[in-house]
């Protein structure tokens, strides 16, 4: 009996939503209805801000006694922390890329 026959076939990965399909026009102007790079960054920052606000609310509820669920509060705080760390890593990569482009000679 061949054990590899029981492995289900995987479908190819689908493209990410919000990423341009091809060409500079869709990346800059959003001609295909895709989000521009700046819009993606704004959306990501809003999600980080929302996670932080939710963590603050959960911690406040725990401290005031409105909620006794410590696990939910801790998960919200950890999620906010991880999203903030990710945002800072992306920021650092963007700054490094900008500096690299500025060092290029034309």
C-alpha atoms as a PDB file:
ATOM      1  CA  UNK A   1       0.000   0.000   0.000  1.00  0.00           C
ATOM      2  CA  UNK A   2       1.408   3.404  -1.010  1.00  0.00           C
ATOM      3  CA  UNK A   3       1.010   5.993   1.804  1.00  0.00           C
ATOM      4  CA  UNK A   4       1.349   8.869  -0.668  1.00  0.00           C
ATOM      5  CA  UNK A   5      -1.977   7.994  -2.287  1.00  0.00           C
ATOM      6  CA  UNK A   6      -3.845   9.179   0.814  1.00  0.00           C
ATOM      7  CA  UNK A   7      -2.427  12.716   0.639  1.00  0.00           C
ATOM      8  CA  UNK A   8      -5.029  15.114  -0.804  1.00  0.00           C
ATOM      9  CA  UNK A   9      -4.049  17.194  -3.798  1.00  0.00           C
ATOM     10  CA  UNK A  10      -3.377  20.824  -2.947  1.00  0.00           C
ATOM     11  CA  UNK A  11      -4.707  23.590  -5.110  1.00  0.00           C
ATOM     12  CA  UNK A  12      -2.235  26.253  -6.247  1.00  0.00           C
ATOM     13  CA  UNK A  13      -2.099  29.326  -4.006  1.00  0.00           C
ATOM     14  CA  UNK A  14      -4.377  32.175  -4.941  1.00  0.00           C
ATOM     15  CA  UNK A  15      -2.979  35.700  -5.277  1.00  0.00           C
ATOM     16  CA  UNK A  16      -3.271  37.952  -2.248  1.00  0.00           C
ATOM     17  CA  UNK A  17      -6.152  40.370  -2.284  1.00  0.00           C
ATOM     18  CA  UNK A  18      -5.036  43.974  -2.453  1.00  0.00           C
ATOM     19  CA  UNK A  19      -1.834  43.287  -4.343  1.00  0.00           C
ATOM     20  CA  UNK A  20      -1.478  44.587  -7.868  1.00  0.00           C
ATOM     21  CA  UNK A  21      -1.755  41.964 -10.575  1.00  0.00           C
ATOM     22  CA  UNK A  22       0.724  43.502 -12.986  1.00  0.00           C
ATOM     23  CA  UNK A  23       1.998  46.795 -14.251  1.00  0.00           C
ATOM     24  CA  UNK A  24       2.753  50.071 -12.562  1.00  0.00           C
ATOM     25  CA  UNK A  25      -0.645  51.582 -13.314  1.00  0.00           C
ATOM     26  CA  UNK A  26      -2.531  49.277 -11.011  1.00  0.00           C
ATOM     27  CA  UNK A  27       0.039  49.714  -8.224  1.00  0.00           C
ATOM     28  CA  UNK A  28      -0.012  53.494  -8.323  1.00  0.00           C
ATOM     29  CA  UNK A  29      -3.439  54.444  -9.570  1.00  0.00           C
ATOM     30  CA  UNK A  30      -5.472  51.414  -8.582  1.00  0.00           C
ATOM     31  CA  UNK A  31      -6.816  50.965 -12.111  1.00  0.00           C
ATOM     32  CA  UNK A  32      -8.016  47.397 -11.477  1.00  0.00           C
ATOM     33  CA  UNK A  33      -9.768  48.284  -8.217  1.00  0.00           C
ATOM     34  CA  UNK A  34      -6.793  47.052  -6.195  1.00  0.00           C
ATOM     35  CA  UNK A  35      -5.545  48.984  -3.209  1.00  0.00           C
ATOM     36  CA  UNK A  36      -2.493  51.154  -3.657  1.00  0.00           C
ATOM     37  CA  UNK A  37       0.569  50.556  -1.494  1.00  0.00           C
ATOM     38  CA  UNK A  38      -0.152  53.595   0.653  1.00  0.00           C
ATOM     39  CA  UNK A  39      -3.712  52.403   1.216  1.00  0.00           C
ATOM     40  CA  UNK A  40      -2.412  48.999   2.322  1.00  0.00           C
ATOM     41  CA  UNK A  41      -0.106  50.686   4.818  1.00  0.00           C
ATOM     42  CA  UNK A  42      -2.923  52.847   6.160  1.00  0.00           C
ATOM     43  CA  UNK A  43      -5.150  49.798   6.540  1.00  0.00           C
ATOM     44  CA  UNK A  44      -2.398  47.908   8.383  1.00  0.00           C
ATOM     45  CA  UNK A  45      -1.816  50.852  10.740  1.00  0.00           C
ATOM     46  CA  UNK A  46      -5.536  51.046  11.461  1.00  0.00           C
ATOM     47  CA  UNK A  47      -5.574  47.334  12.303  1.00  0.00           C
ATOM     48  CA  UNK A  48      -2.625  47.775  14.684  1.00  0.00           C
ATOM     49  CA  UNK A  49      -4.372  50.734  16.304  1.00  0.00           C
ATOM     50  CA  UNK A  50      -7.598  48.744  16.636  1.00  0.00           C
ATOM     51  CA  UNK A  51      -5.751  45.810  18.252  1.00  0.00           C
ATOM     52  CA  UNK A  52      -4.102  48.203  20.707  1.00  0.00           C
ATOM     53  CA  UNK A  53      -7.423  49.816  21.612  1.00  0.00           C
ATOM     54  CA  UNK A  54      -9.027  46.405  22.124  1.00  0.00           C
ATOM     55  CA  UNK A  55      -6.128  45.355  24.386  1.00  0.00           C
ATOM     56  CA  UNK A  56      -6.536  48.531  26.443  1.00  0.00           C
ATOM     57  CA  UNK A  57     -10.277  47.898  26.798  1.00  0.00           C
ATOM     58  CA  UNK A  58      -9.746  44.281  27.850  1.00  0.00           C
ATOM     59  CA  UNK A  59      -7.068  45.253  30.401  1.00  0.00           C
ATOM     60  CA  UNK A  60      -9.250  48.056  31.786  1.00  0.00           C
ATOM     61  CA  UNK A  61     -12.211  45.693  32.096  1.00  0.00           C
ATOM     62  CA  UNK A  62     -10.048  43.180  33.920  1.00  0.00           C
ATOM     63  CA  UNK A  63      -8.648  45.776  36.336  1.00  0.00           C
ATOM     64  CA  UNK A  64     -12.047  47.317  37.128  1.00  0.00           C
ATOM     65  CA  UNK A  65     -13.635  43.928  37.689  1.00  0.00           C
ATOM     66  CA  UNK A  66     -16.095  44.194  34.786  1.00  0.00           C
ATOM     67  CA  UNK A  67     -14.543  41.050  33.327  1.00  0.00           C
ATOM     68  CA  UNK A  68     -12.992  38.116  35.134  1.00  0.00           C
ATOM     69  CA  UNK A  69     -11.608  36.485  31.986  1.00  0.00           C
ATOM     70  CA  UNK A  70      -7.859  36.962  32.235  1.00  0.00           C
ATOM     71  CA  UNK A  71      -7.169  34.752  29.216  1.00  0.00           C
ATOM     72  CA  UNK A  72      -9.052  37.036  26.823  1.00  0.00           C
ATOM     73  CA  UNK A  73      -7.241  40.079  28.181  1.00  0.00           C
ATOM     74  CA  UNK A  74      -3.837  38.425  27.885  1.00  0.00           C
ATOM     75  CA  UNK A  75      -4.557  37.255  24.347  1.00  0.00           C
ATOM     76  CA  UNK A  76      -5.629  40.761  23.335  1.00  0.00           C
ATOM     77  CA  UNK A  77      -2.468  42.269  24.847  1.00  0.00           C
ATOM     78  CA  UNK A  78      -0.224  39.697  23.135  1.00  0.00           C
ATOM     79  CA  UNK A  79      -1.984  40.234  19.800  1.00  0.00           C
ATOM     80  CA  UNK A  80      -1.491  43.998  20.108  1.00  0.00           C
ATOM     81  CA  UNK A  81       2.166  43.509  21.039  1.00  0.00           C
ATOM     82  CA  UNK A  82       2.849  41.204  18.103  1.00  0.00           C
ATOM     83  CA  UNK A  83       1.088  43.474  15.628  1.00  0.00           C
ATOM     84  CA  UNK A  84       3.085  46.450  16.935  1.00  0.00           C
ATOM     85  CA  UNK A  85       6.354  44.534  16.606  1.00  0.00           C
ATOM     86  CA  UNK A  86       5.419  43.553  13.059  1.00  0.00           C
ATOM     87  CA  UNK A  87       4.580  47.158  12.213  1.00  0.00           C
ATOM     88  CA  UNK A  88       7.959  48.294  13.546  1.00  0.00           C
ATOM     89  CA  UNK A  89       9.761  45.607  11.532  1.00  0.00           C
ATOM     90  CA  UNK A  90       7.963  46.692   8.351  1.00  0.00           C
ATOM     91  CA  UNK A  91       8.794  50.321   9.143  1.00  0.00           C
ATOM     92  CA  UNK A  92      12.476  49.446   9.521  1.00  0.00           C
ATOM     93  CA  UNK A  93      12.493  47.565   6.208  1.00  0.00           C
ATOM     94  CA  UNK A  94      10.797  50.485   4.453  1.00  0.00           C
ATOM     95  CA  UNK A  95      13.352  52.932   5.847  1.00  0.00           C
ATOM     96  CA  UNK A  96      16.206  50.644   4.784  1.00  0.00           C
ATOM     97  CA  UNK A  97      14.724  50.357   1.293  1.00  0.00           C
ATOM     98  CA  UNK A  98      14.296  54.135   1.065  1.00  0.00           C
ATOM     99  CA  UNK A  99      17.914  54.688   2.107  1.00  0.00           C
ATOM    100  CA  UNK A 100      19.084  52.140  -0.443  1.00  0.00           C
ATOM    101  CA  UNK A 101      17.145  53.859  -3.220  1.00  0.00           C
ATOM    102  CA  UNK A 102      18.533  57.244  -2.190  1.00  0.00           C
ATOM    103  CA  UNK A 103      22.100  55.851  -2.395  1.00  0.00           C
ATOM    104  CA  UNK A 104      21.604  54.756  -5.997  1.00  0.00           C
ATOM    105  CA  UNK A 105      23.320  56.843  -8.631  1.00  0.00           C
ATOM    106  CA  UNK A 106      21.422  57.817 -11.722  1.00  0.00           C
END
